[in-house]
C-alpha atoms as a PDB file:
ATOM      1  CA  MET A   1     -26.851 -51.400 -47.265  1.00  0.00           C
ATOM      2  CA  GLY A   2     -27.694 -53.208 -44.171  1.00  0.00           C
ATOM      3  CA  GLY A   3     -24.110 -52.648 -42.850  1.00  0.00           C
ATOM      4  CA  ALA A   4     -24.196 -49.609 -44.254  1.00  0.00           C
ATOM      5  CA  MET A   5     -26.955 -48.602 -41.671  1.00  0.00           C
ATOM      6  CA  ASN A   6     -25.239 -50.807 -38.800  1.00  0.00           C
ATOM      7  CA  ARG A   7     -22.341 -49.239 -39.027  1.00  0.00           C
ATOM      8  CA  SER A   8     -23.881 -45.474 -38.738  1.00  0.00           C
ATOM      9  CA  ARG A   9     -25.526 -46.579 -35.723  1.00  0.00           C
ATOM     10  CA  LEU A  10     -22.120 -47.860 -34.480  1.00  0.00           C
ATOM     11  CA  GLY A  11     -20.811 -44.523 -34.714  1.00  0.00           C
ATOM     12  CA  ILE A  12     -23.350 -42.273 -33.691  1.00  0.00           C
ATOM     13  CA  CYS A  13     -23.125 -44.819 -30.698  1.00  0.00           C
ATOM     14  CA  ALA A  14     -19.159 -43.836 -30.600  1.00  0.00           C
ATOM     15  CA  LEU A  15     -19.599 -40.301 -30.238  1.00  0.00           C
ATOM     16  CA  ALA A  16     -22.718 -39.695 -27.738  1.00  0.00           C
ATOM     17  CA  LEU A  17     -20.823 -41.631 -25.307  1.00  0.00           C
ATOM     18  CA  VAL A  18     -17.072 -39.457 -25.763  1.00  0.00           C
ATOM     19  CA  ALA A  19     -19.565 -37.133 -26.117  1.00  0.00           C
ATOM     20  CA  GLY A  20     -21.442 -38.315 -22.698  1.00  0.00           C
ATOM     21  CA  VAL A  21     -19.031 -39.576 -21.550  1.00  0.00           C
ATOM     22  CA  ALA A  22     -16.759 -35.678 -22.062  1.00  0.00           C
ATOM     23  CA  GLY A  23     -19.816 -33.702 -20.478  1.00  0.00           C
ATOM     24  CA  SER A  24     -19.206 -36.001 -16.864  1.00  0.00           C
ATOM     25  CA  ALA A  25     -15.644 -34.878 -16.800  1.00  0.00           C
ATOM     26  CA  LEU A  26     -16.848 -31.934 -17.137  1.00  0.00           C
ATOM     27  CA  GLN A  27     -19.704 -31.507 -14.873  1.00  0.00           C
ATOM     28  CA  ALA A  28     -17.117 -33.747 -12.267  1.00  0.00           C
ATOM     29  CA  LEU A  29     -14.389 -30.601 -12.719  1.00  0.00           C
ATOM     30  CA  SER A  30     -17.028 -28.115 -11.701  1.00  0.00           C
ATOM     31  CA  GLN A  31     -18.594 -30.091  -8.825  1.00  0.00           C
ATOM     32  CA  THR A  32     -15.029 -31.281  -7.612  1.00  0.00           C
ATOM     33  CA  LYS A  33     -13.394 -27.440  -7.995  1.00  0.00           C
ATOM     34  CA  PRO A  34     -14.296 -24.839  -5.203  1.00  0.00           C
ATOM     35  CA  PRO A  35     -16.031 -21.832  -5.460  1.00  0.00           C
ATOM     36  CA  PRO A  36     -13.672 -18.613  -5.459  1.00  0.00           C
ATOM     37  CA  THR A  37     -12.290 -17.817  -1.843  1.00  0.00           C
ATOM     38  CA  GLU A  38     -14.014 -14.053  -0.723  1.00  0.00           C
ATOM     39  CA  LEU A  39     -11.306 -11.366   1.120  1.00  0.00           C
ATOM     40  CA  LYS A  40     -12.534  -8.113   1.787  1.00  0.00           C
ATOM     41  CA  LEU A  41      -9.686  -5.399   1.934  1.00  0.00           C
ATOM     42  CA  ALA A  42      -9.118  -1.593   3.599  1.00  0.00           C
ATOM     43  CA  LEU A  43      -6.723  -0.110   1.761  1.00  0.00           C
ATOM     44  CA  GLN A  44      -5.458   3.624   2.058  1.00  0.00           C
ATOM     45  CA  PRO A  45      -6.001   5.470  -1.185  1.00  0.00           C
ATOM     46  CA  LEU A  46      -2.424   6.095  -2.828  1.00  0.00           C
ATOM     47  CA  THR A  47      -0.623   5.498  -5.653  1.00  0.00           C
ATOM     48  CA  ASN A  48       0.748   2.854  -3.218  1.00  0.00           C
ATOM     49  CA  TYR A  49      -1.780   0.261  -4.260  1.00  0.00           C
ATOM     50  CA  ALA A  50      -2.413   0.692  -7.684  1.00  0.00           C
ATOM     51  CA  ASN A  51      -1.112  -3.342  -7.932  1.00  0.00           C
ATOM     52  CA  ILE A  52      -3.977  -4.547  -5.690  1.00  0.00           C
ATOM     53  CA  LEU A  53      -6.665  -3.173  -8.686  1.00  0.00           C
ATOM     54  CA  LEU A  54      -4.321  -4.701 -11.896  1.00  0.00           C
ATOM     55  CA  ALA A  55      -3.691  -8.483 -10.211  1.00  0.00           C
ATOM     56  CA  ARG A  56      -8.081  -7.856  -9.992  1.00  0.00           C
ATOM     57  CA  ASP A  57      -8.322  -6.627 -13.952  1.00  0.00           C
ATOM     58  CA  LYS A  58      -5.563  -9.161 -15.212  1.00  0.00           C
ATOM     59  CA  GLY A  59      -7.023 -12.109 -13.791  1.00  0.00           C
ATOM     60  CA  PHE A  60      -4.172 -12.443 -11.126  1.00  0.00           C
ATOM     61  CA  PHE A  61      -6.951 -12.706  -8.099  1.00  0.00           C
ATOM     62  CA  ALA A  62      -9.023 -14.705 -10.038  1.00  0.00           C
ATOM     63  CA  ASP A  63      -6.646 -18.033 -11.350  1.00  0.00           C
ATOM     64  CA  GLU A  64      -5.165 -17.926  -7.262  1.00  0.00           C
ATOM     65  CA  ASN A  65      -9.905 -18.940  -7.035  1.00  0.00           C
ATOM     66  CA  LEU A  66      -9.929 -15.431  -4.950  1.00  0.00           C
ATOM     67  CA  ASN A  67     -13.016 -13.035  -5.613  1.00  0.00           C
ATOM     68  CA  ILE A  68     -11.005  -9.691  -4.354  1.00  0.00           C
ATOM     69  CA  SER A  69     -13.387  -6.224  -3.074  1.00  0.00           C
ATOM     70  CA  TRP A  70     -12.042  -3.315  -1.062  1.00  0.00           C
ATOM     71  CA  THR A  71     -12.855  -0.006   0.750  1.00  0.00           C
ATOM     72  CA  THR A  72     -10.269   2.406   1.495  1.00  0.00           C
ATOM     73  CA  VAL A  73      -9.775   4.395   3.940  1.00  0.00           C
ATOM     74  CA  SER A  74      -8.115   7.573   4.598  1.00  0.00           C
ATOM     75  CA  GLN A  75      -6.131   7.389   8.345  1.00  0.00           C
ATOM     76  CA  GLY A  76      -3.315   4.055   8.748  1.00  0.00           C
ATOM     77  CA  ALA A  77      -5.075   3.311  11.800  1.00  0.00           C
ATOM     78  CA  TRP A  78      -8.378   2.350  10.992  1.00  0.00           C
ATOM     79  CA  THR A  79      -6.963   0.452   8.576  1.00  0.00           C
ATOM     80  CA  VAL A  80      -4.833  -1.057  11.834  1.00  0.00           C
ATOM     81  CA  GLU A  81      -8.542  -2.035  13.496  1.00  0.00           C
ATOM     82  CA  ALA A  82      -9.588  -2.991  10.478  1.00  0.00           C
ATOM     83  CA  VAL A  83      -7.708  -5.786  10.872  1.00  0.00           C
ATOM     84  CA  TYR A  84      -8.066  -6.629  13.944  1.00  0.00           C
ATOM     85  CA  GLY A  85     -11.452  -6.119  14.435  1.00  0.00           C
ATOM     86  CA  GLY A  86     -12.501  -8.925  11.399  1.00  0.00           C
ATOM     87  CA  SER A  87     -14.022  -7.104   8.605  1.00  0.00           C
ATOM     88  CA  VAL A  88     -11.426  -7.397   6.616  1.00  0.00           C
ATOM     89  CA  HIS A  89      -8.650 -10.174   5.967  1.00  0.00           C
ATOM     90  CA  PHE A  90      -5.575  -7.866   4.804  1.00  0.00           C
ATOM     91  CA  GLY A  91      -5.378  -3.735   5.001  1.00  0.00           C
ATOM     92  CA  GLY A  92      -2.784  -1.346   3.741  1.00  0.00           C
ATOM     93  CA  SER A  93      -1.288   0.960   4.988  1.00  0.00           C
ATOM     94  CA  GLY A  94       1.615   3.122   6.423  1.00  0.00           C
ATOM     95  CA  LEU A  95       3.696   0.553   7.826  1.00  0.00           C
ATOM     96  CA  ILE A  96       3.873   2.463  11.201  1.00  0.00           C
ATOM     97  CA  GLU A  97       0.061   1.943  12.559  1.00  0.00           C
ATOM     98  CA  PRO A  98       1.059  -1.993  12.211  1.00  0.00           C
ATOM     99  CA  LEU A  99       4.640  -2.024  13.401  1.00  0.00           C
ATOM    100  CA  ILE A 100       3.131  -0.468  16.835  1.00  0.00           C
ATOM    101  CA  ALA A 101       0.558  -2.305  16.944  1.00  0.00           C
ATOM    102  CA  ARG A 102       2.652  -5.464  16.868  1.00  0.00           C
ATOM    103  CA  GLY A 103       4.440  -4.095  19.490  1.00  0.00           C
ATOM    104  CA  ASN A 104       1.604  -2.976  21.543  1.00  0.00           C
ATOM    105  CA  GLY A 105       0.679  -6.884  21.281  1.00  0.00           C
ATOM    106  CA  LEU A 106      -2.254  -7.721  19.389  1.00  0.00           C
ATOM    107  CA  ASP A 107      -1.528 -10.294  16.636  1.00  0.00           C
ATOM    108  CA  LEU A 108      -0.520  -8.140  13.187  1.00  0.00           C
ATOM    109  CA  MET A 109       1.841  -9.601  10.842  1.00  0.00           C
ATOM    110  CA  PHE A 110       3.251  -8.062   7.144  1.00  0.00           C
ATOM    111  CA  ALA A 111       1.784 -10.817   4.490  1.00  0.00           C
ATOM    112  CA  VAL A 112       2.961  -8.551   1.198  1.00  0.00           C
ATOM    113  CA  ALA A 113       5.774  -6.083   0.436  1.00  0.00           C
ATOM    114  CA  ASN A 114       4.407  -3.308  -1.180  1.00  0.00           C
ATOM    115  CA  GLY A 115       5.884   0.551  -1.257  1.00  0.00           C
ATOM    116  CA  ARG A 116       9.289   2.129  -0.569  1.00  0.00           C
ATOM    117  CA  ILE A 117      10.712   5.432  -1.284  1.00  0.00           C
ATOM    118  CA  GLN A 118      12.948   6.401  -3.780  1.00  0.00           C
ATOM    119  CA  PRO A 119      16.268   5.980  -3.043  1.00  0.00           C
ATOM    120  CA  LYS A 120      17.059  10.298  -4.226  1.00  0.00           C
ATOM    121  CA  PRO A 121      15.299  12.934  -4.507  1.00  0.00           C
ATOM    122  CA  PRO A 122      12.572  13.456  -5.384  1.00  0.00           C
ATOM    123  CA  ASP A 123       9.582  11.367  -3.360  1.00  0.00           C
ATOM    124  CA  ASN A 124       6.509  10.829  -4.022  1.00  0.00           C
ATOM    125  CA  ASN A 125       5.437  12.750  -0.226  1.00  0.00           C
ATOM    126  CA  ALA A 126       7.661  15.645   0.331  1.00  0.00           C
ATOM    127  CA  LEU A 127       7.794  19.012   3.965  1.00  0.00           C
ATOM    128  CA  MET A 128       6.533  22.004   1.369  1.00  0.00           C
ATOM    129  CA  VAL A 129       5.988  25.830   2.915  1.00  0.00           C
ATOM    130  CA  ARG A 130       5.060  28.533   0.246  1.00  0.00           C
ATOM    131  CA  ILE A 131       6.811  29.886  -1.728  1.00  0.00           C
ATOM    132  CA  ASN A 132       8.659  33.315  -1.073  1.00  0.00           C
ATOM    133  CA  ASP A 133       8.930  32.356   2.179  1.00  0.00           C
ATOM    134  CA  PRO A 134      11.960  32.773   4.479  1.00  0.00           C
ATOM    135  CA  ILE A 135      12.085  28.767   5.449  1.00  0.00           C
ATOM    136  CA  ASN A 136      14.966  26.172   4.371  1.00  0.00           C
ATOM    137  CA  LYS A 137      16.100  24.131   7.530  1.00  0.00           C
ATOM    138  CA  ALA A 138      14.864  22.030   9.604  1.00  0.00           C
ATOM    139  CA  ALA A 139      16.405  25.510  12.222  1.00  0.00           C
ATOM    140  CA  ASP A 140      14.132  27.928  11.048  1.00  0.00           C
ATOM    141  CA  LEU A 141      11.196  25.652  11.440  1.00  0.00           C
ATOM    142  CA  ALA A 142      11.199  26.676  15.971  1.00  0.00           C
ATOM    143  CA  GLY A 143       8.233  28.779  16.742  1.00  0.00           C
ATOM    144  CA  LYS A 144       6.008  27.691  13.767  1.00  0.00           C
ATOM    145  CA  THR A 145       2.781  25.108  13.047  1.00  0.00           C
ATOM    146  CA  VAL A 146       3.187  22.369  10.334  1.00  0.00           C
ATOM    147  CA  ALA A 147       0.684  19.830  10.134  1.00  0.00           C
ATOM    148  CA  ALA A 148       2.406  15.838   9.381  1.00  0.00           C
ATOM    149  CA  GLY A 149      -0.320  14.338   9.796  1.00  0.00           C
ATOM    150  CA  LEU A 150      -2.450  12.369  12.987  1.00  0.00           C
ATOM    151  CA  ILE A 151      -0.237  12.496  16.593  1.00  0.00           C
ATOM    152  CA  ASN A 152       2.236   9.840  16.305  1.00  0.00           C
ATOM    153  CA  SER A 153       1.403   9.217  12.105  1.00  0.00           C
ATOM    154  CA  PRO A 154       4.502   7.915   9.701  1.00  0.00           C
ATOM    155  CA  ASN A 155       4.768  11.608   8.768  1.00  0.00           C
ATOM    156  CA  TYR A 156       4.824  12.773  12.431  1.00  0.00           C
ATOM    157  CA  LEU A 157       7.059  10.505  13.960  1.00  0.00           C
ATOM    158  CA  HIS A 158       9.333  11.160  11.217  1.00  0.00           C
ATOM    159  CA  MET A 159       9.463  15.164  11.161  1.00  0.00           C
ATOM    160  CA  VAL A 160      10.314  14.413  15.280  1.00  0.00           C
ATOM    161  CA  HIS A 161      13.405  13.051  14.277  1.00  0.00           C
ATOM    162  CA  TRP A 162      14.084  14.717  11.317  1.00  0.00           C
ATOM    163  CA  LEU A 163      14.114  17.816  13.281  1.00  0.00           C
ATOM    164  CA  LYS A 164      16.127  16.174  16.658  1.00  0.00           C
ATOM    165  CA  LYS A 165      18.592  15.425  13.646  1.00  0.00           C
ATOM    166  CA  ALA A 166      18.681  19.096  13.136  1.00  0.00           C
ATOM    167  CA  GLY A 167      19.621  20.386  16.471  1.00  0.00           C
ATOM    168  CA  VAL A 168      16.142  21.805  16.935  1.00  0.00           C
ATOM    169  CA  ASP A 169      13.658  20.144  19.627  1.00  0.00           C
ATOM    170  CA  PRO A 170      10.698  19.246  18.075  1.00  0.00           C
ATOM    171  CA  LYS A 171       8.509  20.413  20.992  1.00  0.00           C
ATOM    172  CA  SER A 172       9.063  24.445  19.901  1.00  0.00           C
ATOM    173  CA  VAL A 173       7.147  23.591  16.921  1.00  0.00           C
ATOM    174  CA  ARG A 174       3.360  23.675  16.935  1.00  0.00           C
ATOM    175  CA  PHE A 175       1.787  20.469  15.056  1.00  0.00           C
ATOM    176  CA  LEU A 176      -1.497  21.157  13.920  1.00  0.00           C
ATOM    177  CA  GLU A 177      -3.086  17.746  12.629  1.00  0.00           C
ATOM    178  CA  LEU A 178      -4.953  17.888   9.547  1.00  0.00           C
ATOM    179  CA  PRO A 179      -6.243  15.320   5.811  1.00  0.00           C
ATOM    180  CA  PHE A 180      -3.551  15.742   3.213  1.00  0.00           C
ATOM    181  CA  PRO A 181      -6.128  17.129   1.289  1.00  0.00           C
ATOM    182  CA  GLN A 182      -6.706  19.443   3.276  1.00  0.00           C
ATOM    183  CA  MET A 183      -3.025  20.445   3.913  1.00  0.00           C
ATOM    184  CA  ALA A 184      -2.408  23.008   1.008  1.00  0.00           C
ATOM    185  CA  ASP A 185      -5.354  25.490   1.388  1.00  0.00           C
ATOM    186  CA  ALA A 186      -4.320  25.973   5.217  1.00  0.00           C
ATOM    187  CA  LEU A 187      -0.406  26.787   3.958  1.00  0.00           C
ATOM    188  CA  TYR A 188      -1.408  28.800   1.153  1.00  0.00           C
ATOM    189  CA  GLN A 189      -4.481  30.675   4.056  1.00  0.00           C
ATOM    190  CA  LYS A 190      -1.277  31.079   6.249  1.00  0.00           C
ATOM    191  CA  ARG A 191      -2.709  28.768   9.199  1.00  0.00           C
ATOM    192  CA  LEU A 192       0.455  27.387   8.998  1.00  0.00           C
ATOM    193  CA  ASP A 193       3.908  27.305   8.056  1.00  0.00           C
ATOM    194  CA  ALA A 194       4.761  24.383   6.262  1.00  0.00           C
ATOM    195  CA  VAL A 195       3.088  20.642   5.175  1.00  0.00           C
ATOM    196  CA  TRP A 196       4.268  17.418   5.159  1.00  0.00           C
ATOM    197  CA  ASN A 197       2.442  16.522   1.967  1.00  0.00           C
ATOM    198  CA  VAL A 198       2.197  13.212  -0.381  1.00  0.00           C
ATOM    199  CA  GLU A 199       1.230  13.038  -3.541  1.00  0.00           C
ATOM    200  CA  PRO A 200      -0.925  13.520  -5.664  1.00  0.00           C
ATOM    201  CA  PHE A 201      -0.807  16.703  -3.964  1.00  0.00           C
ATOM    202  CA  VAL A 202       2.835  17.820  -3.790  1.00  0.00           C
ATOM    203  CA  THR A 203       2.233  17.859  -7.712  1.00  0.00           C
ATOM    204  CA  ILE A 204      -0.695  20.040  -7.334  1.00  0.00           C
ATOM    205  CA  MET A 205       0.762  22.224  -5.443  1.00  0.00           C
ATOM    206  CA  MET A 206       3.830  22.254  -6.948  1.00  0.00           C
ATOM    207  CA  LYS A 207       2.280  23.338 -10.195  1.00  0.00           C
ATOM    208  CA  SER A 208       0.020  25.727  -8.350  1.00  0.00           C
ATOM    209  CA  GLY A 209       2.573  28.383  -8.509  1.00  0.00           C
ATOM    210  CA  GLN A 210       2.244  28.973  -4.017  1.00  0.00           C
ATOM    211  CA  ALA A 211       4.593  26.375  -2.172  1.00  0.00           C
ATOM    212  CA  ARG A 212       8.205  24.602  -2.716  1.00  0.00           C
ATOM    213  CA  ILE A 213      10.127  20.988  -1.144  1.00  0.00           C
ATOM    214  CA  ILE A 214      13.023  22.330   1.409  1.00  0.00           C
ATOM    215  CA  ALA A 215      13.140  17.886   2.811  1.00  0.00           C
ATOM    216  CA  TYR A 216      12.512  14.874   1.492  1.00  0.00           C
ATOM    217  CA  PRO A 217      12.696  13.475   5.698  1.00  0.00           C
ATOM    218  CA  TYR A 218      12.765   9.724   5.000  1.00  0.00           C
ATOM    219  CA  GLN A 219      15.047   9.921   2.247  1.00  0.00           C
ATOM    220  CA  GLU A 220      16.843  11.887   5.121  1.00  0.00           C
ATOM    221  CA  ASN A 221      16.029   9.744   8.219  1.00  0.00           C
ATOM    222  CA  ILE A 222      16.761   6.193   6.439  1.00  0.00           C
ATOM    223  CA  PRO A 223      17.460   6.251   2.963  1.00  0.00           C
ATOM    224  CA  ASN A 224      15.748   3.341   0.639  1.00  0.00           C
ATOM    225  CA  MET A 225      12.776   2.735   3.580  1.00  0.00           C
ATOM    226  CA  ASP A 226       9.823   0.563   2.780  1.00  0.00           C
ATOM    227  CA  ILE A 227       6.829   3.179   3.583  1.00  0.00           C
ATOM    228  CA  THR A 228       3.062   0.445   3.167  1.00  0.00           C
ATOM    229  CA  ALA A 229       2.881  -3.087   3.665  1.00  0.00           C
ATOM    230  CA  ILE A 230      -0.502  -5.113   3.306  1.00  0.00           C
ATOM    231  CA  TYR A 231      -0.566  -7.026   7.010  1.00  0.00           C
ATOM    232  CA  ALA A 232      -3.529  -9.513   8.097  1.00  0.00           C
ATOM    233  CA  ARG A 233      -4.069 -10.962  11.524  1.00  0.00           C
ATOM    234  CA  GLU A 234      -0.683 -13.368  12.638  1.00  0.00           C
ATOM    235  CA  SER A 235      -3.528 -16.203  14.123  1.00  0.00           C
ATOM    236  CA  TRP A 236      -5.530 -15.632  10.263  1.00  0.00           C
ATOM    237  CA  LEU A 237      -2.378 -16.088   8.518  1.00  0.00           C
ATOM    238  CA  LYS A 238      -1.500 -19.723  10.179  1.00  0.00           C
ATOM    239  CA  ALA A 239      -5.073 -21.079  10.136  1.00  0.00           C
ATOM    240  CA  ASN A 240      -5.538 -19.779   6.231  1.00  0.00           C
ATOM    241  CA  LYS A 241      -2.509 -20.274   4.670  1.00  0.00           C
ATOM    242  CA  ASP A 242      -2.811 -21.374   1.474  1.00  0.00           C
ATOM    243  CA  VAL A 243      -5.005 -18.855   1.095  1.00  0.00           C
ATOM    244  CA  ALA A 244      -2.868 -16.322   1.976  1.00  0.00           C
ATOM    245  CA  LEU A 245      -0.156 -17.205  -0.074  1.00  0.00           C
ATOM    246  CA  ARG A 246      -1.884 -17.237  -2.937  1.00  0.00           C
ATOM    247  CA  PHE A 247      -2.911 -13.891  -2.432  1.00  0.00           C
ATOM    248  CA  LYS A 248       0.397 -13.167  -2.133  1.00  0.00           C
ATOM    249  CA  ARG A 249       1.048 -14.996  -5.330  1.00  0.00           C
ATOM    250  CA  ALA A 250      -0.728 -12.243  -6.916  1.00  0.00           C
ATOM    251  CA  VAL A 251       0.122  -9.377  -5.964  1.00  0.00           C
ATOM    252  CA  ASP A 252       3.760 -10.199  -6.017  1.00  0.00           C
ATOM    253  CA  ARG A 253       3.016 -11.145 -10.114  1.00  0.00           C
ATOM    254  CA  ALA A 254       1.353  -7.820  -9.887  1.00  0.00           C
ATOM    255  CA  THR A 255       3.298  -5.834  -8.889  1.00  0.00           C
ATOM    256  CA  ASN A 256       6.326  -7.333 -11.268  1.00  0.00           C
ATOM    257  CA  ALA A 257       3.575  -6.457 -14.271  1.00  0.00           C
ATOM    258  CA  PHE A 258       3.553  -2.909 -13.279  1.00  0.00           C
ATOM    259  CA  ASN A 259       7.184  -2.396 -12.730  1.00  0.00           C
ATOM    260  CA  ALA A 260       7.769  -4.095 -16.638  1.00  0.00           C
ATOM    261  CA  ALA A 261       4.372  -1.958 -17.910  1.00  0.00           C
ATOM    262  CA  PRO A 262       5.404   1.578 -19.585  1.00  0.00           C
ATOM    263  CA  LYS A 263       5.271   3.601 -18.293  1.00  0.00           C
ATOM    264  CA  GLN A 264       1.912   5.202 -20.263  1.00  0.00           C
ATOM    265  CA  GLU A 265      -0.170   1.516 -18.460  1.00  0.00           C
ATOM    266  CA  ARG A 266       1.781   2.032 -15.489  1.00  0.00           C
ATOM    267  CA  ASP A 267       0.156   5.412 -15.417  1.00  0.00           C
ATOM    268  CA  GLU A 268      -3.139   4.583 -16.187  1.00  0.00           C
ATOM    269  CA  TRP A 269      -3.284   1.604 -13.449  1.00  0.00           C
ATOM    270  CA  VAL A 270      -2.397   4.609 -11.040  1.00  0.00           C
ATOM    271  CA  ALA A 271      -4.740   6.701 -12.149  1.00  0.00           C
ATOM    272  CA  LYS A 272      -7.461   4.220 -12.455  1.00  0.00           C
ATOM    273  CA  PHE A 273      -7.281   3.457  -9.146  1.00  0.00           C
ATOM    274  CA  THR A 274      -6.408   6.615  -7.650  1.00  0.00           C
ATOM    275  CA  GLY A 275      -9.014   8.437  -9.511  1.00  0.00           C
ATOM    276  CA  VAL A 276      -7.079  11.498 -10.034  1.00  0.00           C
ATOM    277  CA  LYS A 277      -6.873  12.233 -13.956  1.00  0.00           C
ATOM    278  CA  PRO A 278      -3.748  10.812 -16.294  1.00  0.00           C
ATOM    279  CA  GLU A 279      -1.832  13.845 -17.118  1.00  0.00           C
ATOM    280  CA  LEU A 280      -1.331  14.302 -13.875  1.00  0.00           C
ATOM    281  CA  VAL A 281      -0.152  11.471 -12.636  1.00  0.00           C
ATOM    282  CA  ALA A 282       2.328  11.621 -15.107  1.00  0.00           C
ATOM    283  CA  GLU A 283       4.179  14.057 -13.556  1.00  0.00           C
ATOM    284  CA  MET A 284       3.574  12.656 -10.243  1.00  0.00           C
ATOM    285  CA  THR A 285       6.815  10.801  -8.740  1.00  0.00           C
ATOM    286  CA  LEU A 286       5.354   7.384  -7.917  1.00  0.00           C
ATOM    287  CA  PRO A 287       7.025   5.631  -4.989  1.00  0.00           C
ATOM    288  CA  GLN A 288       8.491   1.760  -5.517  1.00  0.00           C
ATOM    289  CA  PHE A 289       6.692  -1.729  -6.437  1.00  0.00           C
ATOM    290  CA  VAL A 290       8.642  -3.939  -5.054  1.00  0.00           C
ATOM    291  CA  THR A 291       7.763  -7.538  -3.555  1.00  0.00           C
ATOM    292  CA  GLU A 292      10.377  -8.170  -1.000  1.00  0.00           C
ATOM    293  CA  PHE A 293      10.818  -6.382   2.588  1.00  0.00           C
ATOM    294  CA  ASN A 294      14.110  -4.206   3.594  1.00  0.00           C
ATOM    295  CA  VAL A 295      14.388  -5.799   7.429  1.00  0.00           C
ATOM    296  CA  PRO A 296      17.285  -3.262   7.997  1.00  0.00           C
ATOM    297  CA  ALA A 297      15.249  -0.733   7.498  1.00  0.00           C
ATOM    298  CA  LEU A 298      11.928  -1.754   9.546  1.00  0.00           C
ATOM    299  CA  LYS A 299      14.645  -3.018  11.757  1.00  0.00           C
ATOM    300  CA  ALA A 300      14.954   1.510  12.118  1.00  0.00           C
ATOM    301  CA  ASN A 301      12.010   2.483  11.649  1.00  0.00           C
ATOM    302  CA  LEU A 302      11.064   0.151  14.760  1.00  0.00           C
ATOM    303  CA  GLU A 303      14.254   1.761  17.304  1.00  0.00           C
ATOM    304  CA  LEU A 304      13.221   5.235  15.680  1.00  0.00           C
ATOM    305  CA  ALA A 305       9.396   4.054  17.591  1.00  0.00           C
ATOM    306  CA  VAL A 306      11.060   3.389  20.365  1.00  0.00           C
ATOM    307  CA  SER A 307      13.369   6.014  20.475  1.00  0.00           C
ATOM    308  CA  GLN A 308       9.696   8.265  21.797  1.00  0.00           C
ATOM    309  CA  GLY A 309       7.780   5.642  23.231  1.00  0.00           C
ATOM    310  CA  VAL A 310       5.538   5.265  20.993  1.00  0.00           C
ATOM    311  CA  VAL A 311       5.944   1.378  21.278  1.00  0.00           C
ATOM    312  CA  LYS A 312       8.458  -1.115  22.701  1.00  0.00           C
ATOM    313  CA  PRO A 313      11.146  -2.748  21.613  1.00  0.00           C
ATOM    314  CA  PHE A 314      10.438  -6.442  20.237  1.00  0.00           C
ATOM    315  CA  ASP A 315      12.042  -9.006  17.150  1.00  0.00           C
ATOM    316  CA  ILE A 316      10.727  -6.896  14.130  1.00  0.00           C
ATOM    317  CA  GLU A 317      11.032 -10.659  12.611  1.00  0.00           C
ATOM    318  CA  THR A 318       8.400 -11.638  14.029  1.00  0.00           C
ATOM    319  CA  LEU A 319       6.308  -8.662  12.355  1.00  0.00           C
ATOM    320  CA  ILE A 320       6.669 -11.123   8.546  1.00  0.00           C
ATOM    321  CA  TRP A 321       5.637 -14.028   8.043  1.00  0.00           C
ATOM    322  CA  LYS A 322       7.615 -16.572   6.626  1.00  0.00           C
ATOM    323  CA  PRO A 323       5.121 -19.000   4.862  1.00  0.00           C
END
């Protein structure tokens, strides 16, 4: 009897010892793992950044011990200001704005590839006119009023290039600065004659029966070009290489997961990020989601910007982060 009791006591002691060791190990692990790194982003509310939402909700950022938050801004220039000013760590916008900023001396650098135009029509942005107006080509826009975003924005610079390629003097066209959501009403009310709009507004305008597409200038200017990117200050990337690499891994993983998902799931992610109804997203043309930059197309965009005097020439390779 005494022997059985001793063995029982020994067993209990052994279990307590194992539990104590396990508890100590778990406590040590919890103490050695640092808290998640907080990262702030400024993003344009475009379909192109639905992969960021996917990365957060599927836990890809958490897997890299990152906690991500973001604010949306309507103009790419404001995103550049937020990144350079230090209020956010990463920015996402059209690639022309950070390209111009880099060429003019700001230490911005593309950190993660993101969005690319479609290789053939349709695309997720288009030049549109009223359905019954006799405007069908660049030459028909001479003497007309056009909205193509802000002056020196990506759409504006490409619009000027597209007109020149067709032999049209851009000075013969009056440009009106308007936000994308306001373009349709301005066109229907005949306050202007053509608009270069983006999704979801392209699809909304087409469904209205009041507008039609006459061109996809990006595709005609620089086929298969990158249209958006995620960038940061070069000095921050150098000082925080490990954090930046973890962020890039999570975003690239999300991009691959997005591309591998069925169309309905992709549409749901876009709807959730943009606030656009899923049934409308199903009819929209989305950009290509990519993990590598098209460097020749980046060079072509730089040459386009240089030709219009908005930036000085520089080595485009210095714009791309290569950890």
